[in-house]
Amino acid sequence: MGVIIPLFLIVISSIIIWKSSDGFDIASSYLGRNLSDGVKGATINAISSSMPELLTTIFFLIFLKDAEGFAAGIGTVAGSAVFNAMIIPAFSVIVVYYYKISTSIRVSKNVIYRDSISLLAAQVALILIIYFEMLNWFGGLILVLLYSFYVFFMFLKMKKNQPSIFTHESHISNENRYISFLKLDFYGAIIGEKKLKQSNSIVLLIISLFFIGISCLILVKACELIGEKEYSLFGLHNLKGLDIPISIIAIIIAAAATSVPDTILSIKDAKKGNYNDAISNALGSNIFDICFALGLPILLYTIFYGPILMNPITLRFSLNVLIVLFLLTIITFLIFIYGESIGIKKAIILLSMYVFFIFYIIFKLT
């Protein structure tokens, strides 16, 4: 019972994140409809699908405080980064293969070079910030500025490309708006049969973001409970948790739960043949996660509470995880650029690398 309750809450929060992110994605895609495909995938799509990581990191810092909260935030971001770089491209290939759309996906080498090099630079910056113990407002500001430069560069490049045409699967329905709301169909509840425009897309964006925030709050609390040795909840006492470090829970469970929107969004893009967006969303999400989903919480937290002080064990753990992430990113980058496309064999290699990462983390922390 002690494990079942948090797992149930994690499943519920994952479903809410998934459904809420649908509305957020539609609204943000409409607002960014004038962006070119590759730019939209790396910015608008990446930001909209990475909101859960940002909010989860903020809540980990608020509830667990200082080093433990930061380690959990690192775990969520690192686990999500590995998931995005390996599981999402692999699933995208498997889906297009299963539906006989294609036997492989072909992605622009320019997109891979652009996003992979930017991602590696962001990872190096984070490693240096932790190594030199710059977990203060200045370190957070550096990460936020790095992402700002990345977005600025993307918009400069966009001037040379054609803007994309906004499309989404319309689902005109006579279903009662309250029923749509209860089903977490925020598009149906708010937009319904009306035409999507700037004003109602902003309302859709805000309401979707609110529910993403609520679900991330539930997720953080559930992860905290499942890692406890013993806890009380809903009037039930002496419930037994797994008694394992919150970092493991964050890397495996929180990371996978917050990556649900990225996965669904990239698979949708892949099924439509938008392979550049499918991969660019995954890599762009990682850049957002490392620079903004970690940088902004660090910046805000340290402005109000002072620098985050890490003990040697937490410092070593965080550096080990990030160095492994850096090495796996290089290998993934080489897999992407080798050959003309990403097929089933490469998908299996990527899945195997993710399994290796999970076993490595469990071995290091147990």
Protein backbone atom coordinates (compact mmCIF):
# COMPACT_ATOMS: atom_id res chain seq x y z
CA MET A 1 0.00 0.00 0.00
CA GLY A 2 2.85 2.36 0.85
CA VAL A 3 4.23 2.07 -2.69
CA ILE A 4 0.90 1.67 -4.50
CA ILE A 5 -0.49 5.06 -3.40
CA PRO A 6 2.48 7.13 -4.71
CA LEU A 7 2.60 5.05 -7.92
CA PHE A 8 -1.11 5.73 -8.44
CA LEU A 9 -0.50 9.46 -7.91
CA ILE A 10 2.42 9.33 -10.38
CA VAL A 11 0.23 7.67 -13.03
CA ILE A 12 -2.56 10.23 -12.45
CA SER A 13 -0.11 13.15 -12.63
CA SER A 14 1.43 11.73 -15.83
CA ILE A 15 -2.02 11.53 -17.46
CA ILE A 16 -2.84 15.11 -16.43
CA ILE A 17 0.57 16.29 -17.74
CA TRP A 18 -0.08 14.50 -21.04
CA LYS A 19 -3.62 15.83 -21.51
CA SER A 20 -2.78 19.36 -20.34
CA SER A 21 0.26 19.50 -22.60
CA ASP A 22 -2.00 18.79 -25.60
CA GLY A 23 -3.83 22.07 -25.03
CA PHE A 24 -0.59 23.90 -24.25
CA ASP A 25 0.95 22.57 -27.47
CA ILE A 26 -1.99 23.64 -29.65
CA ALA A 27 -2.04 27.12 -28.12
CA SER A 28 1.73 27.66 -28.26
CA SER A 29 1.92 26.28 -31.81
CA TYR A 30 -0.77 28.73 -32.91
CA LEU A 31 1.01 31.64 -31.22
CA GLY A 32 4.27 30.56 -32.89
CA ARG A 33 2.68 29.73 -36.25
CA ASN A 34 4.97 32.11 -38.18
CA LEU A 35 8.12 30.23 -37.20
CA SER A 36 9.82 27.87 -39.65
CA ASP A 37 9.57 24.12 -38.92
CA GLY A 38 13.05 23.48 -37.49
CA VAL A 39 12.92 26.66 -35.38
CA LYS A 40 9.42 25.84 -34.11
CA GLY A 41 10.52 22.35 -33.08
CA ALA A 42 13.56 23.61 -31.18
CA THR A 43 11.82 26.55 -29.48
CA ILE A 44 8.01 26.59 -29.25
CA ASN A 45 7.55 22.79 -29.27
CA ALA A 46 10.51 22.26 -26.95
CA ILE A 47 9.36 24.90 -24.46
CA SER A 48 5.74 23.77 -24.44
CA SER A 49 6.63 20.11 -23.94
CA SER A 50 9.30 20.92 -21.31
CA MET A 51 7.09 22.94 -18.97
CA PRO A 52 6.71 19.86 -16.70
CA GLU A 53 10.51 19.66 -16.19
CA LEU A 54 10.70 23.37 -15.30
CA LEU A 55 7.82 23.21 -12.82
CA THR A 56 9.00 19.90 -11.33
CA THR A 57 12.48 21.34 -10.71
CA ILE A 58 10.96 24.43 -9.07
CA PHE A 59 8.78 22.29 -6.79
CA PHE A 60 11.70 19.99 -5.87
CA LEU A 61 13.69 23.06 -4.79
CA ILE A 62 10.76 24.53 -2.87
CA PHE A 63 9.87 21.35 -0.98
CA LEU A 64 13.24 19.63 -0.50
CA LYS A 65 15.33 22.82 -0.25
CA ASP A 66 18.99 23.39 -1.08
CA ALA A 67 21.21 20.45 -2.05
CA GLU A 68 18.63 17.63 -1.91
CA GLY A 69 16.13 19.61 -3.97
CA PHE A 70 18.81 20.61 -6.47
CA ALA A 71 20.02 16.99 -6.76
CA ALA A 72 16.43 15.91 -7.44
CA GLY A 73 16.15 18.70 -10.04
CA ILE A 74 19.41 17.55 -11.65
CA GLY A 75 18.05 14.00 -11.61
CA THR A 76 14.82 15.02 -13.32
CA VAL A 77 16.58 17.09 -15.98
CA ALA A 78 19.38 14.55 -16.62
CA GLY A 79 16.96 11.61 -16.73
CA SER A 80 14.65 13.55 -19.02
CA ALA A 81 17.60 14.55 -21.24
CA VAL A 82 18.67 10.92 -21.68
CA PHE A 83 15.04 9.90 -22.26
CA ASN A 84 14.57 12.64 -24.87
CA ALA A 85 17.82 11.94 -26.72
CA MET A 86 17.44 8.14 -26.83
CA ILE A 87 13.89 6.98 -26.20
CA ILE A 88 12.09 9.63 -28.26
CA PRO A 89 14.09 9.16 -31.52
CA ALA A 90 13.92 5.38 -31.03
CA PHE A 91 10.15 5.44 -30.51
CA SER A 92 9.73 7.79 -33.49
CA VAL A 93 11.53 5.28 -35.72
CA ILE A 94 9.59 2.32 -34.30
CA VAL A 95 6.24 4.10 -34.81
CA VAL A 96 6.87 5.06 -38.46
CA TYR A 97 8.16 1.52 -39.09
CA TYR A 98 5.14 -0.09 -37.37
CA TYR A 99 2.64 2.00 -39.32
CA LYS A 100 4.58 1.29 -42.53
CA ILE A 101 5.10 5.02 -43.09
CA SER A 102 8.82 4.48 -43.59
CA THR A 103 11.59 2.07 -42.59
CA SER A 104 13.68 4.94 -41.21
CA ILE A 105 13.62 8.66 -40.58
CA ARG A 106 15.86 11.10 -42.40
CA VAL A 107 16.85 14.22 -40.46
CA SER A 108 18.74 17.25 -41.76
CA LYS A 109 22.39 17.07 -40.70
CA ASN A 110 22.31 20.84 -40.17
CA VAL A 111 19.55 20.41 -37.57
CA ILE A 112 21.52 17.66 -35.79
CA TYR A 113 24.77 19.65 -35.79
CA ARG A 114 23.03 22.83 -34.61
CA ASP A 115 21.09 21.29 -31.73
CA SER A 116 23.71 18.71 -30.67
CA ILE A 117 26.54 21.25 -30.46
CA SER A 118 24.28 23.68 -28.56
CA LEU A 119 23.27 20.87 -26.19
CA LEU A 120 26.87 19.81 -25.54
CA ALA A 121 27.83 23.44 -24.85
CA ALA A 122 24.95 23.73 -22.35
CA GLN A 123 26.05 20.52 -20.61
CA VAL A 124 29.66 21.73 -20.34
CA ALA A 125 28.44 25.02 -18.85
CA LEU A 126 26.36 23.19 -16.24
CA ILE A 127 29.22 20.83 -15.35
CA LEU A 128 31.57 23.80 -14.83
CA ILE A 129 28.99 25.68 -12.75
CA ILE A 130 28.59 22.68 -10.42
CA TYR A 131 32.32 21.86 -10.36
CA PHE A 132 33.22 25.41 -9.31
CA GLU A 133 30.22 25.47 -6.94
CA MET A 134 28.60 28.48 -8.62
CA LEU A 135 25.10 27.50 -7.50
CA ASN A 136 24.08 31.10 -6.94
CA TRP A 137 22.13 33.74 -8.84
CA PHE A 138 25.08 34.32 -11.18
CA GLY A 139 25.34 30.65 -12.15
CA GLY A 140 21.58 30.55 -12.76
CA LEU A 141 21.79 33.73 -14.84
CA ILE A 142 24.56 32.24 -17.01
CA LEU A 143 22.35 29.25 -17.87
CA VAL A 144 19.32 31.44 -18.62
CA LEU A 145 21.43 33.73 -20.84
CA LEU A 146 22.82 30.71 -22.72
CA TYR A 147 19.28 29.67 -23.62
CA SER A 148 18.44 33.26 -24.59
CA PHE A 149 21.43 33.30 -26.98
CA TYR A 150 20.31 29.96 -28.43
CA VAL A 151 16.78 31.27 -29.10
CA PHE A 152 18.20 34.52 -30.54
CA PHE A 153 20.41 32.49 -32.89
CA MET A 154 17.40 30.40 -33.95
CA PHE A 155 15.41 33.51 -34.83
CA LEU A 156 18.33 34.89 -36.84
CA LYS A 157 18.48 31.64 -38.80
CA MET A 158 14.72 31.70 -39.28
CA LYS A 159 14.96 34.80 -41.47
CA LYS A 160 16.61 32.62 -44.09
CA ASN A 161 13.84 30.00 -43.97
CA GLN A 162 10.17 29.94 -44.84
CA PRO A 163 7.70 30.09 -41.94
CA SER A 164 5.68 26.95 -41.31
CA ILE A 165 1.95 26.69 -41.91
CA PHE A 166 -0.03 26.19 -38.71
CA THR A 167 -2.06 22.99 -38.72
CA HIS A 168 -3.65 20.91 -36.04
CA GLU A 169 -6.14 18.08 -35.96
CA SER A 170 -9.46 19.83 -35.41
CA HIS A 171 -12.01 17.86 -33.45
CA ILE A 172 -15.31 19.69 -33.78
CA SER A 173 -17.65 18.07 -31.31
CA ASN A 174 -21.09 18.69 -29.89
CA GLU A 175 -19.92 17.27 -26.60
CA ASN A 176 -20.83 19.33 -23.53
CA ARG A 177 -17.99 21.66 -22.53
CA TYR A 178 -18.17 20.44 -18.94
CA ILE A 179 -17.74 16.85 -20.10
CA SER A 180 -14.76 17.91 -22.22
CA PHE A 181 -13.28 19.64 -19.18
CA LEU A 182 -13.74 16.53 -17.01
CA LYS A 183 -12.00 14.50 -19.74
CA LEU A 184 -9.13 17.05 -19.59
CA ASP A 185 -9.87 18.00 -23.20
CA PHE A 186 -9.10 21.68 -22.66
CA TYR A 187 -9.19 22.46 -26.38
CA GLY A 188 -12.75 21.11 -26.60
CA ALA A 189 -13.78 22.82 -23.36
CA ILE A 190 -12.37 26.26 -24.18
CA ILE A 191 -12.30 26.49 -27.98
CA GLY A 192 -14.96 23.95 -28.95
CA GLU A 193 -16.41 24.77 -32.35
CA LYS A 194 -15.04 28.31 -32.33
CA LYS A 195 -12.15 29.35 -34.52
CA LEU A 196 -8.76 29.37 -32.83
CA LYS A 197 -7.47 32.93 -32.47
CA GLN A 198 -4.95 34.82 -30.37
CA SER A 199 -7.27 35.66 -27.46
CA ASN A 200 -8.71 32.19 -26.87
CA SER A 201 -5.37 30.49 -27.53
CA ILE A 202 -3.85 32.57 -24.67
CA VAL A 203 -6.70 31.44 -22.36
CA LEU A 204 -6.08 27.83 -23.45
CA LEU A 205 -2.36 28.29 -22.78
CA ILE A 206 -2.90 29.66 -19.25
CA ILE A 207 -5.44 27.01 -18.19
CA SER A 208 -3.29 24.19 -19.59
CA LEU A 209 -0.24 25.59 -17.78
CA PHE A 210 -2.21 25.75 -14.51
CA PHE A 211 -3.10 22.05 -14.71
CA ILE A 212 0.45 21.12 -15.73
CA GLY A 213 1.59 22.93 -12.57
CA ILE A 214 -0.92 21.06 -10.37
CA SER A 215 0.11 17.71 -11.85
CA CYS A 216 3.83 18.47 -11.36
CA LEU A 217 3.12 19.33 -7.73
CA ILE A 218 1.41 15.94 -7.27
CA LEU A 219 4.31 14.25 -9.07
CA VAL A 220 6.96 15.80 -6.80
CA LYS A 221 5.01 14.87 -3.66
CA ALA A 222 4.50 11.30 -4.91
CA CYS A 223 8.22 10.95 -5.72
CA GLU A 224 9.08 12.23 -2.25
CA LEU A 225 6.71 9.71 -0.60
CA ILE A 226 7.84 6.69 -2.60
CA GLY A 227 11.45 7.36 -1.62
CA GLU A 228 10.64 7.61 2.11
CA LYS A 229 11.25 4.77 4.55
CA GLU A 230 7.93 5.46 6.26
CA TYR A 231 5.25 8.13 5.84
CA SER A 232 1.66 9.12 6.67
CA LEU A 233 -0.96 10.23 4.13
CA PHE A 234 -4.74 10.70 4.03
CA GLY A 235 -5.04 9.62 7.67
CA LEU A 236 -3.09 6.42 7.00
CA HIS A 237 -0.02 5.93 9.18
CA ASN A 238 3.16 3.83 9.05
CA LEU A 239 3.01 3.41 5.27
CA LYS A 240 6.23 1.91 3.91
CA GLY A 241 8.07 3.52 1.01
CA LEU A 242 11.05 2.12 -0.91
CA ASP A 243 13.62 3.91 1.29
CA ILE A 244 15.81 4.90 -1.65
CA PRO A 245 17.42 8.27 -2.53
CA ILE A 246 15.08 10.82 -4.08
CA SER A 247 17.68 11.24 -6.85
CA ILE A 248 16.96 7.73 -8.20
CA ILE A 249 13.22 8.41 -8.14
CA ALA A 250 13.76 11.73 -9.94
CA ILE A 251 16.02 10.25 -12.64
CA ILE A 252 13.82 7.26 -13.43
CA ILE A 253 10.22 8.11 -12.53
CA ALA A 254 9.94 11.92 -12.51
CA ALA A 255 12.04 12.20 -15.68
CA ALA A 256 9.92 9.67 -17.58
CA ALA A 257 6.65 11.24 -16.35
CA THR A 258 7.69 14.75 -17.38
CA SER A 259 8.91 13.48 -20.77
CA VAL A 260 5.47 12.18 -21.78
CA PRO A 261 4.56 15.40 -23.69
CA ASP A 262 7.92 15.39 -25.54
CA THR A 263 7.39 11.76 -26.56
CA ILE A 264 3.83 12.22 -27.80
CA LEU A 265 4.67 15.46 -29.63
CA SER A 266 7.69 13.94 -31.42
CA ILE A 267 5.78 10.79 -32.37
CA LYS A 268 2.98 12.95 -33.83
CA ASP A 269 5.56 14.91 -35.84
CA ALA A 270 7.21 11.69 -37.04
CA LYS A 271 3.87 10.21 -38.17
CA LYS A 272 3.23 13.38 -40.18
CA GLY A 273 6.68 13.10 -41.77
CA ASN A 274 8.04 16.14 -39.90
CA TYR A 275 11.24 14.31 -38.93
CA ASN A 276 13.27 17.48 -38.38
CA ASP A 277 10.73 18.70 -35.83
CA ALA A 278 10.52 15.27 -34.18
CA ILE A 279 14.27 15.16 -33.45
CA SER A 280 14.69 18.92 -33.00
CA ASN A 281 11.94 18.92 -30.37
CA ALA A 282 13.76 16.20 -28.40
CA LEU A 283 17.17 17.92 -28.56
CA GLY A 284 15.72 21.42 -28.14
CA SER A 285 13.85 20.21 -25.06
CA ASN A 286 17.15 19.10 -23.56
CA ILE A 287 18.70 22.53 -24.13
CA PHE A 288 15.66 24.15 -22.51
CA ASP A 289 15.79 21.68 -19.59
CA ILE A 290 19.47 22.23 -18.82
CA CYS A 291 19.64 25.99 -19.39
CA PHE A 292 16.18 27.18 -18.39
CA ALA A 293 14.45 24.44 -16.38
CA LEU A 294 17.52 24.37 -14.09
CA GLY A 295 18.83 27.90 -14.60
CA LEU A 296 15.63 29.79 -13.77
CA PRO A 297 14.86 27.88 -10.52
CA ILE A 298 18.50 28.32 -9.40
CA LEU A 299 18.36 32.04 -10.22
CA LEU A 300 15.07 32.64 -8.39
CA TYR A 301 15.80 30.36 -5.43
CA THR A 302 19.25 31.82 -4.71
CA ILE A 303 18.03 35.42 -5.02
CA PHE A 304 15.63 34.80 -2.12
CA TYR A 305 17.43 32.11 -0.08
CA GLY A 306 21.12 32.54 -0.91
CA PRO A 307 23.58 30.12 -2.60
CA ILE A 308 22.84 26.38 -2.73
CA LEU A 309 25.47 24.54 -0.67
CA MET A 310 26.20 20.97 -1.75
CA ASN A 311 27.89 18.34 0.39
CA PRO A 312 30.72 16.33 -1.26
CA ILE A 313 28.51 13.26 -1.85
CA THR A 314 25.75 15.22 -3.61
CA LEU A 315 28.34 17.21 -5.57
CA ARG A 316 30.06 14.02 -6.74
CA PHE A 317 26.74 12.40 -7.67
CA SER A 318 25.60 15.41 -9.70
CA LEU A 319 28.92 15.64 -11.56
CA ASN A 320 28.96 11.88 -12.29
CA VAL A 321 25.43 11.99 -13.70
CA LEU A 322 26.20 15.02 -15.89
CA ILE A 323 29.48 13.58 -17.18
CA VAL A 324 27.73 10.32 -18.13
CA LEU A 325 24.99 12.40 -19.78
CA PHE A 326 27.66 14.34 -21.71
CA LEU A 327 29.32 11.12 -22.96
CA LEU A 328 25.99 9.55 -23.93
CA THR A 329 25.04 12.73 -25.80
CA ILE A 330 28.27 12.53 -27.83
CA ILE A 331 27.56 8.87 -28.69
CA THR A 332 23.96 9.74 -29.62
CA PHE A 333 25.22 12.61 -31.79
CA LEU A 334 27.58 10.23 -33.63
CA ILE A 335 24.75 7.73 -34.14
CA PHE A 336 22.58 10.47 -35.64
CA ILE A 337 25.20 11.73 -38.09
CA TYR A 338 26.48 8.29 -39.16
CA GLY A 339 24.72 7.24 -42.35
CA GLU A 340 21.86 8.92 -44.14
CA SER A 341 19.01 8.07 -41.77
CA ILE A 342 17.98 6.61 -38.40
CA GLY A 343 16.62 3.07 -38.77
CA ILE A 344 15.56 0.17 -36.54
CA LYS A 345 19.14 -0.91 -35.73
CA LYS A 346 20.01 2.56 -34.48
CA ALA A 347 16.73 2.65 -32.53
CA ILE A 348 17.69 -0.58 -30.71
CA ILE A 349 21.14 0.84 -29.90
CA LEU A 350 19.53 3.99 -28.46
CA LEU A 351 17.12 1.93 -26.32
CA SER A 352 20.05 -0.16 -25.05
CA MET A 353 21.95 2.99 -24.09
CA TYR A 354 18.98 4.18 -22.04
CA VAL A 355 18.82 0.85 -20.20
CA PHE A 356 22.57 1.13 -19.51
CA PHE A 357 22.07 4.62 -18.07
CA ILE A 358 19.32 3.45 -15.69
CA PHE A 359 21.38 0.49 -14.44
CA TYR A 360 24.41 2.75 -13.99
CA ILE A 361 22.41 5.17 -11.82
CA ILE A 362 20.94 2.37 -9.70
CA PHE A 363 24.40 0.81 -9.25
CA LYS A 364 25.99 4.14 -8.26
CA LEU A 365 23.34 5.06 -5.69
CA THR A 366 22.64 1.70 -4.04
